[in-house]
Amino acid sequence: MDSNNFNQQPVDQSVQQPAQPPVQPVYYQQPETETPVSVGDWVLTIFLTCIPCVGLILLFVWAFGSSAPKSKSNWAKAELIWVAIGIVLTIILYAAVGATIIGAANSLGGF
């Protein structure tokens, strides 16, 4: 008996796994990041929106223009939604108050 073959076991060729194809690396594209809007810029933005006509015009420019950062654009769109809600609620309030005044005047015989 040969001493070199003493610890070797016979290999069963039928049990071996087939070779796996090489794995291709997956590359992910990083989302484009923009510089955050500074606190000073937000202070100026909020101040400018407090000016009645200028603020409304600037909200439309920031919301639908291409030069504003994405965060400011989203904020301006949200502000425009709140402005629209405020206008609708104001109209409803004035209509309710007006109807109440007209109803009170009719009951007193004024009209």
PDB file of N, CA and C in Angstrom:
ATOM      1  N   MET A   1       0.838  -1.163   0.000  1.00  0.00           N
ATOM      2  CA  MET A   1       0.000   0.000   0.000  1.00  0.00           C
ATOM      3  C   MET A   1       0.885   1.228   0.000  1.00  0.00           C
ATOM      4  N   ASP A   2       0.526   2.190  -0.807  1.00  0.00           N
ATOM      5  CA  ASP A   2       1.321   3.399  -0.960  1.00  0.00           C
ATOM      6  C   ASP A   2       0.939   4.386   0.142  1.00  0.00           C
ATOM      7  N   SER A   3       1.893   5.001   0.788  1.00  0.00           N
ATOM      8  CA  SER A   3       1.600   5.905   1.902  1.00  0.00           C
ATOM      9  C   SER A   3       0.995   7.223   1.420  1.00  0.00           C
ATOM     10  N   ASN A   4       1.190   7.589   0.183  1.00  0.00           N
ATOM     11  CA  ASN A   4       0.614   8.836  -0.344  1.00  0.00           C
ATOM     12  C   ASN A   4      -0.891   8.715  -0.572  1.00  0.00           C
ATOM     13  N   ASN A   5      -1.400   7.556  -0.828  1.00  0.00           N
ATOM     14  CA  ASN A   5      -2.817   7.372  -1.108  1.00  0.00           C
ATOM     15  C   ASN A   5      -3.612   6.988   0.135  1.00  0.00           C
ATOM     16  N   PHE A   6      -2.977   6.973   1.280  1.00  0.00           N
ATOM     17  CA  PHE A   6      -3.632   6.500   2.485  1.00  0.00           C
ATOM     18  C   PHE A   6      -4.803   7.398   2.905  1.00  0.00           C
ATOM     19  N   ASN A   7      -4.669   8.759   2.894  1.00  0.00           N
ATOM     20  CA  ASN A   7      -5.703   9.672   3.349  1.00  0.00           C
ATOM     21  C   ASN A   7      -6.605  10.166   2.219  1.00  0.00           C
ATOM     22  N   GLN A   8      -6.366   9.800   1.033  1.00  0.00           N
ATOM     23  CA  GLN A   8      -7.175  10.282  -0.084  1.00  0.00           C
ATOM     24  C   GLN A   8      -8.436   9.452  -0.221  1.00  0.00           C
ATOM     25  N   GLN A   9      -9.549  10.132  -0.461  1.00  0.00           N
ATOM     26  CA  GLN A   9     -10.829   9.486  -0.665  1.00  0.00           C
ATOM     27  C   GLN A   9     -11.157   9.558  -2.159  1.00  0.00           C
ATOM     28  N   PRO A  10     -11.842   8.543  -2.673  1.00  0.00           N
ATOM     29  CA  PRO A  10     -12.243   8.627  -4.073  1.00  0.00           C
ATOM     30  C   PRO A  10     -13.307   9.712  -4.240  1.00  0.00           C
ATOM     31  N   VAL A  11     -13.261  10.469  -5.327  1.00  0.00           N
ATOM     32  CA  VAL A  11     -14.184  11.571  -5.597  1.00  0.00           C
ATOM     33  C   VAL A  11     -15.257  11.068  -6.542  1.00  0.00           C
ATOM     34  N   ASP A  12     -16.510  11.281  -6.127  1.00  0.00           N
ATOM     35  CA  ASP A  12     -17.636  10.886  -6.969  1.00  0.00           C
ATOM     36  C   ASP A  12     -17.917  12.037  -7.924  1.00  0.00           C
ATOM     37  N   GLN A  13     -17.673  11.849  -9.203  1.00  0.00           N
ATOM     38  CA  GLN A  13     -17.822  12.899 -10.196  1.00  0.00           C
ATOM     39  C   GLN A  13     -19.278  13.264 -10.457  1.00  0.00           C
ATOM     40  N   SER A  14     -20.230  12.399 -10.171  1.00  0.00           N
ATOM     41  CA  SER A  14     -21.632  12.669 -10.466  1.00  0.00           C
ATOM     42  C   SER A  14     -22.272  13.624  -9.459  1.00  0.00           C
ATOM     43  N   VAL A  15     -21.661  13.891  -8.318  1.00  0.00           N
ATOM     44  CA  VAL A  15     -22.233  14.714  -7.271  1.00  0.00           C
ATOM     45  C   VAL A  15     -21.786  16.174  -7.387  1.00  0.00           C
ATOM     46  N   GLN A  16     -20.802  16.468  -8.160  1.00  0.00           N
ATOM     47  CA  GLN A  16     -20.277  17.828  -8.241  1.00  0.00           C
ATOM     48  C   GLN A  16     -21.311  18.773  -8.838  1.00  0.00           C
ATOM     49  N   GLN A  17     -21.355  19.984  -8.300  1.00  0.00           N
ATOM     50  CA  GLN A  17     -22.275  21.015  -8.767  1.00  0.00           C
ATOM     51  C   GLN A  17     -21.755  21.632 -10.061  1.00  0.00           C
ATOM     52  N   PRO A  18     -22.698  22.024 -10.961  1.00  0.00           N
ATOM     53  CA  PRO A  18     -22.251  22.691 -12.180  1.00  0.00           C
ATOM     54  C   PRO A  18     -21.676  24.065 -11.844  1.00  0.00           C
ATOM     55  N   ALA A  19     -20.787  24.525 -12.655  1.00  0.00           N
ATOM     56  CA  ALA A  19     -20.141  25.818 -12.425  1.00  0.00           C
ATOM     57  C   ALA A  19     -21.164  26.938 -12.588  1.00  0.00           C
ATOM     58  N   GLN A  20     -21.151  27.888 -11.651  1.00  0.00           N
ATOM     59  CA  GLN A  20     -22.067  29.029 -11.700  1.00  0.00           C
ATOM     60  C   GLN A  20     -21.490  30.106 -12.619  1.00  0.00           C
ATOM     61  N   PRO A  21     -22.365  30.806 -13.352  1.00  0.00           N
ATOM     62  CA  PRO A  21     -21.847  31.896 -14.181  1.00  0.00           C
ATOM     63  C   PRO A  21     -21.322  33.009 -13.291  1.00  0.00           C
ATOM     64  N   PRO A  22     -20.360  33.756 -13.753  1.00  0.00           N
ATOM     65  CA  PRO A  22     -19.810  34.837 -12.909  1.00  0.00           C
ATOM     66  C   PRO A  22     -20.875  35.918 -12.676  1.00  0.00           C
ATOM     67  N   VAL A  23     -20.884  36.453 -11.489  1.00  0.00           N
ATOM     68  CA  VAL A  23     -21.852  37.479 -11.114  1.00  0.00           C
ATOM     69  C   VAL A  23     -21.346  38.827 -11.617  1.00  0.00           C
ATOM     70  N   GLN A  24     -22.214  39.516 -12.359  1.00  0.00           N
ATOM     71  CA  GLN A  24     -21.852  40.829 -12.872  1.00  0.00           C
ATOM     72  C   GLN A  24     -22.095  41.874 -11.785  1.00  0.00           C
ATOM     73  N   PRO A  25     -21.217  42.839 -11.644  1.00  0.00           N
ATOM     74  CA  PRO A  25     -21.453  43.884 -10.634  1.00  0.00           C
ATOM     75  C   PRO A  25     -22.639  44.752 -11.047  1.00  0.00           C
ATOM     76  N   VAL A  26     -23.410  45.173 -10.043  1.00  0.00           N
ATOM     77  CA  VAL A  26     -24.576  46.014 -10.275  1.00  0.00           C
ATOM     78  C   VAL A  26     -24.205  47.432  -9.877  1.00  0.00           C
ATOM     79  N   TYR A  27     -24.410  48.359 -10.790  1.00  0.00           N
ATOM     80  CA  TYR A  27     -24.083  49.755 -10.527  1.00  0.00           C
ATOM     81  C   TYR A  27     -25.385  50.530 -10.333  1.00  0.00           C
ATOM     82  N   TYR A  28     -25.476  51.256  -9.246  1.00  0.00           N
ATOM     83  CA  TYR A  28     -26.632  52.079  -8.963  1.00  0.00           C
ATOM     84  C   TYR A  28     -26.259  53.532  -9.177  1.00  0.00           C
ATOM     85  N   GLN A  29     -27.147  54.253  -9.846  1.00  0.00           N
ATOM     86  CA  GLN A  29     -26.908  55.663 -10.066  1.00  0.00           C
ATOM     87  C   GLN A  29     -27.371  56.429  -8.842  1.00  0.00           C
ATOM     88  N   GLN A  30     -26.487  57.215  -8.297  1.00  0.00           N
ATOM     89  CA  GLN A  30     -26.830  58.026  -7.139  1.00  0.00           C
ATOM     90  C   GLN A  30     -27.811  59.110  -7.564  1.00  0.00           C
ATOM     91  N   PRO A  31     -28.856  59.354  -6.773  1.00  0.00           N
ATOM     92  CA  PRO A  31     -29.760  60.443  -7.132  1.00  0.00           C
ATOM     93  C   PRO A  31     -29.023  61.777  -7.045  1.00  0.00           C
ATOM     94  N   GLU A  32     -29.409  62.678  -7.925  1.00  0.00           N
ATOM     95  CA  GLU A  32     -28.772  63.981  -7.900  1.00  0.00           C
ATOM     96  C   GLU A  32     -29.188  64.726  -6.638  1.00  0.00           C
ATOM     97  N   THR A  33     -28.210  65.189  -5.913  1.00  0.00           N
ATOM     98  CA  THR A  33     -28.504  65.934  -4.698  1.00  0.00           C
ATOM     99  C   THR A  33     -28.226  67.403  -4.967  1.00  0.00           C
ATOM    100  N   GLU A  34     -29.085  68.224  -4.445  1.00  0.00           N
ATOM    101  CA  GLU A  34     -28.895  69.654  -4.599  1.00  0.00           C
ATOM    102  C   GLU A  34     -28.514  70.234  -3.256  1.00  0.00           C
ATOM    103  N   THR A  35     -27.919  71.379  -3.299  1.00  0.00           N
ATOM    104  CA  THR A  35     -27.526  72.013  -2.049  1.00  0.00           C
ATOM    105  C   THR A  35     -28.780  72.456  -1.309  1.00  0.00           C
ATOM    106  N   PRO A  36     -28.827  72.248  -0.020  1.00  0.00           N
ATOM    107  CA  PRO A  36     -30.028  72.636   0.728  1.00  0.00           C
ATOM    108  C   PRO A  36     -30.190  74.155   0.755  1.00  0.00           C
ATOM    109  N   VAL A  37     -31.428  74.583   0.875  1.00  0.00           N
ATOM    110  CA  VAL A  37     -31.734  76.009   0.966  1.00  0.00           C
ATOM    111  C   VAL A  37     -31.335  76.475   2.369  1.00  0.00           C
ATOM    112  N   SER A  38     -30.595  77.555   2.436  1.00  0.00           N
ATOM    113  CA  SER A  38     -30.081  78.014   3.725  1.00  0.00           C
ATOM    114  C   SER A  38     -31.194  78.652   4.553  1.00  0.00           C
ATOM    115  N   VAL A  39     -30.923  78.793   5.824  1.00  0.00           N
ATOM    116  CA  VAL A  39     -31.880  79.406   6.742  1.00  0.00           C
ATOM    117  C   VAL A  39     -32.132  80.860   6.349  1.00  0.00           C
ATOM    118  N   GLY A  40     -31.085  81.566   5.992  1.00  0.00           N
ATOM    119  CA  GLY A  40     -31.243  82.962   5.572  1.00  0.00           C
ATOM    120  C   GLY A  40     -32.116  83.093   4.335  1.00  0.00           C
ATOM    121  N   ASP A  41     -31.961  82.152   3.402  1.00  0.00           N
ATOM    122  CA  ASP A  41     -32.791  82.170   2.201  1.00  0.00           C
ATOM    123  C   ASP A  41     -34.251  81.900   2.546  1.00  0.00           C
ATOM    124  N   TRP A  42     -34.492  80.990   3.499  1.00  0.00           N
ATOM    125  CA  TRP A  42     -35.873  80.727   3.919  1.00  0.00           C
ATOM    126  C   TRP A  42     -36.475  81.941   4.618  1.00  0.00           C
ATOM    127  N   VAL A  43     -35.676  82.635   5.429  1.00  0.00           N
ATOM    128  CA  VAL A  43     -36.174  83.838   6.110  1.00  0.00           C
ATOM    129  C   VAL A  43     -36.565  84.882   5.076  1.00  0.00           C
ATOM    130  N   LEU A  44     -35.730  85.084   4.064  1.00  0.00           N
ATOM    131  CA  LEU A  44     -36.041  86.041   3.008  1.00  0.00           C
ATOM    132  C   LEU A  44     -37.259  85.588   2.195  1.00  0.00           C
ATOM    133  N   THR A  45     -37.361  84.299   1.938  1.00  0.00           N
ATOM    134  CA  THR A  45     -38.496  83.761   1.188  1.00  0.00           C
ATOM    135  C   THR A  45     -39.803  84.008   1.921  1.00  0.00           C
ATOM    136  N   ILE A  46     -39.834  83.711   3.209  1.00  0.00           N
ATOM    137  CA  ILE A  46     -41.055  83.905   3.995  1.00  0.00           C
ATOM    138  C   ILE A  46     -41.392  85.387   4.117  1.00  0.00           C
ATOM    139  N   PHE A  47     -40.363  86.231   4.271  1.00  0.00           N
ATOM    140  CA  PHE A  47     -40.599  87.675   4.326  1.00  0.00           C
ATOM    141  C   PHE A  47     -41.218  88.171   3.023  1.00  0.00           C
ATOM    142  N   LEU A  48     -40.692  87.728   1.890  1.00  0.00           N
ATOM    143  CA  LEU A  48     -41.214  88.187   0.599  1.00  0.00           C
ATOM    144  C   LEU A  48     -42.637  87.702   0.346  1.00  0.00           C
ATOM    145  N   THR A  49     -42.977  86.527   0.851  1.00  0.00           N
ATOM    146  CA  THR A  49     -44.344  86.037   0.650  1.00  0.00           C
ATOM    147  C   THR A  49     -45.347  86.779   1.539  1.00  0.00           C
ATOM    148  N   CYS A  50     -44.877  87.512   2.537  1.00  0.00           N
ATOM    149  CA  CYS A  50     -45.790  88.297   3.374  1.00  0.00           C
ATOM    150  C   CYS A  50     -46.246  89.575   2.671  1.00  0.00           C
ATOM    151  N   ILE A  51     -45.545  90.001   1.637  1.00  0.00           N
ATOM    152  CA  ILE A  51     -45.949  91.178   0.870  1.00  0.00           C
ATOM    153  C   ILE A  51     -47.093  90.745  -0.045  1.00  0.00           C
ATOM    154  N   PRO A  52     -48.280  91.354   0.080  1.00  0.00           N
ATOM    155  CA  PRO A  52     -49.489  90.811  -0.549  1.00  0.00           C
ATOM    156  C   PRO A  52     -49.370  90.421  -2.025  1.00  0.00           C
ATOM    157  N   CYS A  53     -49.193  91.329  -2.927  1.00  0.00           N
ATOM    158  CA  CYS A  53     -49.196  90.968  -4.357  1.00  0.00           C
ATOM    159  C   CYS A  53     -47.879  90.328  -4.778  1.00  0.00           C
ATOM    160  N   VAL A  54     -46.786  90.830  -4.252  1.00  0.00           N
ATOM    161  CA  VAL A  54     -45.459  90.301  -4.603  1.00  0.00           C
ATOM    162  C   VAL A  54     -45.341  88.855  -4.150  1.00  0.00           C
ATOM    163  N   GLY A  55     -45.841  88.561  -2.965  1.00  0.00           N
ATOM    164  CA  GLY A  55     -45.754  87.205  -2.434  1.00  0.00           C
ATOM    165  C   GLY A  55     -46.499  86.199  -3.283  1.00  0.00           C
ATOM    166  N   LEU A  56     -47.682  86.569  -3.741  1.00  0.00           N
ATOM    167  CA  LEU A  56     -48.471  85.655  -4.569  1.00  0.00           C
ATOM    168  C   LEU A  56     -47.785  85.407  -5.921  1.00  0.00           C
ATOM    169  N   ILE A  57     -47.251  86.472  -6.506  1.00  0.00           N
ATOM    170  CA  ILE A  57     -46.535  86.316  -7.780  1.00  0.00           C
ATOM    171  C   ILE A  57     -45.292  85.439  -7.601  1.00  0.00           C
ATOM    172  N   LEU A  58     -44.553  85.689  -6.514  1.00  0.00           N
ATOM    173  CA  LEU A  58     -43.349  84.885  -6.262  1.00  0.00           C
ATOM    174  C   LEU A  58     -43.691  83.424  -6.016  1.00  0.00           C
ATOM    175  N   LEU A  59     -44.814  83.143  -5.363  1.00  0.00           N
ATOM    176  CA  LEU A  59     -45.214  81.757  -5.154  1.00  0.00           C
ATOM    177  C   LEU A  59     -45.421  81.041  -6.491  1.00  0.00           C
ATOM    178  N   PHE A  60     -46.061  81.724  -7.439  1.00  0.00           N
ATOM    179  CA  PHE A  60     -46.240  81.130  -8.763  1.00  0.00           C
ATOM    180  C   PHE A  60     -44.903  80.945  -9.480  1.00  0.00           C
ATOM    181  N   VAL A  61     -44.009  81.907  -9.358  1.00  0.00           N
ATOM    182  CA  VAL A  61     -42.683  81.795 -10.006  1.00  0.00           C
ATOM    183  C   VAL A  61     -41.905  80.634  -9.420  1.00  0.00           C
ATOM    184  N   TRP A  62     -41.885  80.528  -8.082  1.00  0.00           N
ATOM    185  CA  TRP A  62     -41.136  79.441  -7.450  1.00  0.00           C
ATOM    186  C   TRP A  62     -41.787  78.082  -7.686  1.00  0.00           C
ATOM    187  N   ALA A  63     -43.119  78.046  -7.725  1.00  0.00           N
ATOM    188  CA  ALA A  63     -43.813  76.770  -7.876  1.00  0.00           C
ATOM    189  C   ALA A  63     -43.659  76.204  -9.285  1.00  0.00           C
ATOM    190  N   PHE A  64     -43.731  77.059 -10.289  1.00  0.00           N
ATOM    191  CA  PHE A  64     -43.768  76.559 -11.663  1.00  0.00           C
ATOM    192  C   PHE A  64     -42.568  76.966 -12.502  1.00  0.00           C
ATOM    193  N   GLY A  65     -41.646  77.712 -11.941  1.00  0.00           N
ATOM    194  CA  GLY A  65     -40.417  78.062 -12.649  1.00  0.00           C
ATOM    195  C   GLY A  65     -39.385  76.957 -12.513  1.00  0.00           C
ATOM    196  N   SER A  66     -38.387  77.001 -13.353  1.00  0.00           N
ATOM    197  CA  SER A  66     -37.368  75.943 -13.319  1.00  0.00           C
ATOM    198  C   SER A  66     -36.117  76.353 -12.545  1.00  0.00           C
ATOM    199  N   SER A  67     -36.051  77.602 -12.107  1.00  0.00           N
ATOM    200  CA  SER A  67     -34.821  78.062 -11.458  1.00  0.00           C
ATOM    201  C   SER A  67     -34.794  77.808  -9.954  1.00  0.00           C
ATOM    202  N   ALA A  68     -35.944  77.584  -9.343  1.00  0.00           N
ATOM    203  CA  ALA A  68     -36.003  77.395  -7.891  1.00  0.00           C
ATOM    204  C   ALA A  68     -35.577  75.976  -7.527  1.00  0.00           C
ATOM    205  N   PRO A  69     -34.939  75.810  -6.372  1.00  0.00           N
ATOM    206  CA  PRO A  69     -34.625  74.452  -5.901  1.00  0.00           C
ATOM    207  C   PRO A  69     -35.904  73.642  -5.698  1.00  0.00           C
ATOM    208  N   LYS A  70     -35.781  72.322  -5.774  1.00  0.00           N
ATOM    209  CA  LYS A  70     -36.942  71.431  -5.684  1.00  0.00           C
ATOM    210  C   LYS A  70     -37.688  71.600  -4.360  1.00  0.00           C
ATOM    211  N   SER A  71     -36.971  71.788  -3.272  1.00  0.00           N
ATOM    212  CA  SER A  71     -37.635  71.945  -1.979  1.00  0.00           C
ATOM    213  C   SER A  71     -38.448  73.235  -1.931  1.00  0.00           C
ATOM    214  N   LYS A  72     -37.901  74.316  -2.495  1.00  0.00           N
ATOM    215  CA  LYS A  72     -38.639  75.578  -2.505  1.00  0.00           C
ATOM    216  C   LYS A  72     -39.829  75.494  -3.458  1.00  0.00           C
ATOM    217  N   SER A  73     -39.671  74.778  -4.561  1.00  0.00           N
ATOM    218  CA  SER A  73     -40.769  74.601  -5.506  1.00  0.00           C
ATOM    219  C   SER A  73     -41.923  73.829  -4.870  1.00  0.00           C
ATOM    220  N   ASN A  74     -41.607  72.757  -4.174  1.00  0.00           N
ATOM    221  CA  ASN A  74     -42.641  71.980  -3.484  1.00  0.00           C
ATOM    222  C   ASN A  74     -43.317  72.800  -2.391  1.00  0.00           C
ATOM    223  N   TRP A  75     -42.524  73.579  -1.672  1.00  0.00           N
ATOM    224  CA  TRP A  75     -43.088  74.436  -0.626  1.00  0.00           C
ATOM    225  C   TRP A  75     -44.031  75.471  -1.228  1.00  0.00           C
ATOM    226  N   ALA A  76     -43.639  76.079  -2.351  1.00  0.00           N
ATOM    227  CA  ALA A  76     -44.482  77.093  -2.991  1.00  0.00           C
ATOM    228  C   ALA A  76     -45.790  76.473  -3.492  1.00  0.00           C
ATOM    229  N   LYS A  77     -45.735  75.257  -4.017  1.00  0.00           N
ATOM    230  CA  LYS A  77     -46.962  74.578  -4.455  1.00  0.00           C
ATOM    231  C   LYS A  77     -47.882  74.322  -3.265  1.00  0.00           C
ATOM    232  N   ALA A  78     -47.312  73.899  -2.144  1.00  0.00           N
ATOM    233  CA  ALA A  78     -48.116  73.667  -0.938  1.00  0.00           C
ATOM    234  C   ALA A  78     -48.723  74.977  -0.441  1.00  0.00           C
ATOM    235  N   GLU A  79     -47.969  76.055  -0.485  1.00  0.00           N
ATOM    236  CA  GLU A  79     -48.496  77.360  -0.077  1.00  0.00           C
ATOM    237  C   GLU A  79     -49.631  77.807  -0.986  1.00  0.00           C
ATOM    238  N   LEU A  80     -49.505  77.567  -2.281  1.00  0.00           N
ATOM    239  CA  LEU A  80     -50.575  77.935  -3.213  1.00  0.00           C
ATOM    240  C   LEU A  80     -51.850  77.130  -2.937  1.00  0.00           C
ATOM    241  N   ILE A  81     -51.688  75.873  -2.553  1.00  0.00           N
ATOM    242  CA  ILE A  81     -52.852  75.071  -2.179  1.00  0.00           C
ATOM    243  C   ILE A  81     -53.532  75.672  -0.954  1.00  0.00           C
ATOM    244  N   TRP A  82     -52.735  76.079   0.048  1.00  0.00           N
ATOM    245  CA  TRP A  82     -53.310  76.694   1.244  1.00  0.00           C
ATOM    246  C   TRP A  82     -53.964  78.034   0.921  1.00  0.00           C
ATOM    247  N   VAL A  83     -53.386  78.803   0.006  1.00  0.00           N
ATOM    248  CA  VAL A  83     -54.000  80.070  -0.404  1.00  0.00           C
ATOM    249  C   VAL A  83     -55.352  79.802  -1.055  1.00  0.00           C
ATOM    250  N   ALA A  84     -55.420  78.790  -1.924  1.00  0.00           N
ATOM    251  CA  ALA A  84     -56.688  78.446  -2.583  1.00  0.00           C
ATOM    252  C   ALA A  84     -57.728  78.002  -1.554  1.00  0.00           C
ATOM    253  N   ILE A  85     -57.320  77.202  -0.580  1.00  0.00           N
ATOM    254  CA  ILE A  85     -58.242  76.772   0.475  1.00  0.00           C
ATOM    255  C   ILE A  85     -58.724  77.980   1.272  1.00  0.00           C
ATOM    256  N   GLY A  86     -57.826  78.901   1.576  1.00  0.00           N
ATOM    257  CA  GLY A  86     -58.211  80.116   2.308  1.00  0.00           C
ATOM    258  C   GLY A  86     -59.194  80.970   1.530  1.00  0.00           C
ATOM    259  N   ILE A  87     -58.992  81.097   0.220  1.00  0.00           N
ATOM    260  CA  ILE A  87     -59.917  81.884  -0.604  1.00  0.00           C
ATOM    261  C   ILE A  87     -61.304  81.242  -0.614  1.00  0.00           C
ATOM    262  N   VAL A  88     -61.351  79.928  -0.793  1.00  0.00           N
ATOM    263  CA  VAL A  88     -62.644  79.228  -0.816  1.00  0.00           C
ATOM    264  C   VAL A  88     -63.354  79.369   0.529  1.00  0.00           C
ATOM    265  N   LEU A  89     -62.631  79.183   1.632  1.00  0.00           N
ATOM    266  CA  LEU A  89     -63.251  79.327   2.957  1.00  0.00           C
ATOM    267  C   LEU A  89     -63.703  80.760   3.206  1.00  0.00           C
ATOM    268  N   THR A  90     -62.960  81.741   2.721  1.00  0.00           N
ATOM    269  CA  THR A  90     -63.357  83.141   2.887  1.00  0.00           C
ATOM    270  C   THR A  90     -64.638  83.427   2.119  1.00  0.00           C
ATOM    271  N   ILE A  91     -64.739  82.916   0.896  1.00  0.00           N
ATOM    272  CA  ILE A  91     -65.964  83.108   0.106  1.00  0.00           C
ATOM    273  C   ILE A  91     -67.156  82.475   0.812  1.00  0.00           C
ATOM    274  N   ILE A  92     -66.963  81.268   1.343  1.00  0.00           N
ATOM    275  CA  ILE A  92     -68.050  80.596   2.063  1.00  0.00           C
ATOM    276  C   ILE A  92     -68.447  81.396   3.307  1.00  0.00           C
ATOM    277  N   LEU A  93     -67.454  81.905   4.026  1.00  0.00           N
ATOM    278  CA  LEU A  93     -67.739  82.689   5.229  1.00  0.00           C
ATOM    279  C   LEU A  93     -68.500  83.965   4.886  1.00  0.00           C
ATOM    280  N   TYR A  94     -68.038  84.699   3.864  1.00  0.00           N
ATOM    281  CA  TYR A  94     -68.734  85.931   3.462  1.00  0.00           C
ATOM    282  C   TYR A  94     -70.143  85.629   2.976  1.00  0.00           C
ATOM    283  N   ALA A  95     -70.337  84.535   2.258  1.00  0.00           N
ATOM    284  CA  ALA A  95     -71.684  84.165   1.791  1.00  0.00           C
ATOM    285  C   ALA A  95     -72.588  83.842   2.975  1.00  0.00           C
ATOM    286  N   ALA A  96     -72.063  83.142   3.975  1.00  0.00           N
ATOM    287  CA  ALA A  96     -72.865  82.800   5.152  1.00  0.00           C
ATOM    288  C   ALA A  96     -73.207  84.046   5.958  1.00  0.00           C
ATOM    289  N   VAL A  97     -72.241  84.938   6.140  1.00  0.00           N
ATOM    290  CA  VAL A  97     -72.502  86.171   6.887  1.00  0.00           C
ATOM    291  C   VAL A  97     -73.486  87.049   6.118  1.00  0.00           C
ATOM    292  N   GLY A  98     -73.289  87.141   4.808  1.00  0.00           N
ATOM    293  CA  GLY A  98     -74.203  87.941   3.989  1.00  0.00           C
ATOM    294  C   GLY A  98     -75.615  87.398   4.022  1.00  0.00           C
ATOM    295  N   ALA A  99     -75.760  86.091   3.944  1.00  0.00           N
ATOM    296  CA  ALA A  99     -77.092  85.484   4.003  1.00  0.00           C
ATOM    297  C   ALA A  99     -77.731  85.722   5.363  1.00  0.00           C
ATOM    298  N   THR A 100     -76.951  85.677   6.410  1.00  0.00           N
ATOM    299  CA  THR A 100     -77.471  85.929   7.756  1.00  0.00           C
ATOM    300  C   THR A 100     -77.944  87.376   7.891  1.00  0.00           C
ATOM    301  N   ILE A 101     -77.170  88.312   7.370  1.00  0.00           N
ATOM    302  CA  ILE A 101     -77.549  89.719   7.455  1.00  0.00           C
ATOM    303  C   ILE A 101     -78.811  89.983   6.639  1.00  0.00           C
ATOM    304  N   ILE A 102     -78.871  89.427   5.437  1.00  0.00           N
ATOM    305  CA  ILE A 102     -80.055  89.620   4.603  1.00  0.00           C
ATOM    306  C   ILE A 102     -81.271  88.964   5.258  1.00  0.00           C
ATOM    307  N   GLY A 103     -81.097  87.792   5.824  1.00  0.00           N
ATOM    308  CA  GLY A 103     -82.206  87.114   6.528  1.00  0.00           C
ATOM    309  C   GLY A 103     -82.682  87.929   7.726  1.00  0.00           C
ATOM    310  N   ALA A 104     -81.774  88.519   8.470  1.00  0.00           N
ATOM    311  CA  ALA A 104     -82.142  89.330   9.627  1.00  0.00           C
ATOM    312  C   ALA A 104     -82.852  90.609   9.189  1.00  0.00           C
ATOM    313  N   ALA A 105     -82.372  91.193   8.097  1.00  0.00           N
ATOM    314  CA  ALA A 105     -82.999  92.424   7.588  1.00  0.00           C
ATOM    315  C   ALA A 105     -84.395  92.138   7.073  1.00  0.00           C
ATOM    316  N   ASN A 106     -84.614  91.007   6.425  1.00  0.00           N
ATOM    317  CA  ASN A 106     -85.946  90.641   5.928  1.00  0.00           C
ATOM    318  C   ASN A 106     -86.901  90.376   7.075  1.00  0.00           C
ATOM    319  N   SER A 107     -86.400  89.781   8.143  1.00  0.00           N
ATOM    320  CA  SER A 107     -87.293  89.484   9.271  1.00  0.00           C
ATOM    321  C   SER A 107     -87.691  90.759  10.005  1.00  0.00           C
ATOM    322  N   LEU A 108     -86.879  91.797   9.907  1.00  0.00           N
ATOM    323  CA  LEU A 108     -87.213  93.062  10.531  1.00  0.00           C
ATOM    324  C   LEU A 108     -88.053  93.939   9.615  1.00  0.00           C
ATOM    325  N   GLY A 109     -88.250  93.518   8.380  1.00  0.00           N
ATOM    326  CA  GLY A 109     -89.046  94.293   7.448  1.00  0.00           C
ATOM    327  C   GLY A 109     -88.260  95.365   6.738  1.00  0.00           C
ATOM    328  N   GLY A 110     -86.958  95.276   6.759  1.00  0.00           N
ATOM    329  CA  GLY A 110     -86.109  96.284   6.122  1.00  0.00           C
ATOM    330  C   GLY A 110     -86.092  96.178   4.609  1.00  0.00           C
ATOM    331  N   PHE A 111     -86.247  94.981   4.055  1.00  0.00           N
ATOM    332  CA  PHE A 111     -86.184  94.850   2.595  1.00  0.00           C
ATOM    333  C   PHE A 111     -87.508  94.513   2.046  1.00  0.00           C
TER     334      PHE A 111
END
